[in-house]
Protein backbone atom coordinates (compact mmCIF):
# COMPACT_ATOMS: atom_id res chain seq x y z
CA MET A 1 0.06 0.19 0.07
CA VAL A 2 2.94 2.31 0.91
CA ALA A 3 4.95 1.49 -2.35
CA SER A 4 1.56 2.00 -4.60
CA ALA A 5 1.30 5.71 -2.99
CA ALA A 6 4.99 6.43 -3.69
CA VAL A 7 4.38 5.56 -7.33
CA TYR A 8 1.05 7.10 -7.40
CA GLY A 9 3.34 10.69 -5.53
CA ILE A 10 5.57 9.94 -8.21
CA PHE A 11 3.43 9.86 -10.98
CA VAL A 12 1.56 13.55 -9.41
CA ASN A 13 4.52 15.55 -8.80
CA ASN A 14 5.82 14.91 -12.73
CA GLN A 15 2.53 15.99 -13.90
CA ILE A 16 2.79 18.66 -11.89
CA GLN A 17 6.22 19.21 -13.46
CA ALA A 18 5.89 18.63 -17.09
CA LYS A 19 6.53 21.80 -18.36
CA PRO A 20 3.56 22.93 -20.81
CA GLU A 21 5.50 24.09 -23.76
CA GLN A 22 7.48 20.84 -23.93
CA ASN A 23 5.77 19.20 -27.20
CA THR A 24 6.80 15.39 -27.70
CA THR A 25 6.85 14.67 -31.71
CA ALA A 26 7.07 11.07 -32.88
CA PRO A 27 10.26 10.24 -35.51
CA ASP A 28 8.73 10.54 -38.84
CA TYR A 29 9.48 6.50 -40.12
CA SER A 30 7.53 7.38 -43.53
CA SER A 31 10.91 6.77 -45.95
CA GLN A 32 11.94 3.58 -43.65
CA LEU A 33 8.12 2.71 -44.37
CA ASP A 34 8.58 3.43 -48.05
CA SER A 35 11.57 1.15 -48.46
CA ILE A 36 10.14 -1.89 -46.08
CA LYS A 37 6.93 -1.34 -48.23
CA SER A 38 9.39 -1.73 -51.64
CA GLN A 39 11.06 -4.76 -50.53
CA MET A 40 7.55 -6.32 -49.51
CA THR A 41 6.67 -5.76 -53.15
CA SER A 42 10.14 -6.91 -54.59
CA LEU A 43 9.80 -10.06 -52.43
CA ASN A 44 6.34 -10.42 -53.11
CA SER A 45 7.21 -10.06 -57.16
CA GLN A 46 10.01 -12.92 -56.27
CA ILE A 47 7.38 -15.31 -54.63
CA ASN A 48 5.37 -15.32 -57.92
CA SER A 49 8.22 -15.86 -59.46
CA ILE A 50 9.55 -19.22 -57.81
CA SER A 51 5.82 -20.28 -57.38
CA SER A 52 5.51 -20.24 -61.64
CA SER A 53 8.62 -21.67 -60.93
CA LEU A 54 7.78 -24.72 -59.57
CA THR A 55 4.95 -24.94 -61.38
CA ALA A 56 6.91 -25.63 -64.40
CA LEU A 57 9.00 -27.84 -62.97
CA ASP A 58 6.13 -29.69 -62.10
CA THR A 59 4.68 -30.02 -65.11
CA LEU A 60 8.30 -31.34 -66.23
CA LYS A 61 8.36 -34.04 -63.19
CA ASN A 62 5.30 -35.27 -64.65
CA ASN A 63 6.02 -35.45 -68.08
CA VAL A 64 9.84 -37.11 -67.90
CA ALA A 65 7.35 -39.81 -65.68
CA ASP A 66 5.05 -40.10 -68.41
CA ILE A 67 7.57 -40.38 -71.43
CA GLN A 68 9.91 -42.81 -68.73
CA THR A 69 6.07 -45.12 -68.64
CA LYS A 70 6.12 -45.31 -72.60
CA LEU A 71 9.66 -46.20 -72.56
CA ASN A 72 9.20 -49.26 -70.39
CA ASP A 73 5.78 -49.81 -72.75
CA ILE A 74 8.20 -49.82 -75.72
CA GLU A 75 10.36 -51.67 -73.79
CA ASP A 76 8.29 -54.47 -73.05
CA LYS A 77 7.04 -55.03 -76.19
CA VAL A 78 10.31 -55.09 -77.94
CA THR A 79 10.85 -58.00 -75.24
CA LEU A 80 8.09 -59.81 -76.11
CA THR A 81 8.25 -59.42 -79.75
CA GLN A 82 12.49 -60.58 -79.36
CA GLN A 83 10.82 -63.43 -77.36
CA HIS A 84 8.38 -64.55 -80.19
CA LYS A 85 10.92 -64.50 -83.05
CA PRO A 86 10.92 -67.23 -85.23
CA THR A 87 14.19 -68.45 -85.14
CA VAL A 88 16.06 -69.58 -88.55
């Protein structure tokens, strides 16, 4: 109780002693914010580019898998043809 009264007393004293002509101004961070916005735009662009690249790679992977399946089918057909080839 005594501690809280002391803190209240300090608070009241500081309020009374504060000079009314003192203005506190917040720093102007607008240029830093503009820089961050520009960086965010650049990052979003890079993310979109990476996303497009990943989509293209996924398509390529599927195409390679399809080609591999077709090559295996051809190889199987060649093997069957060679096994059933009449000997002369």
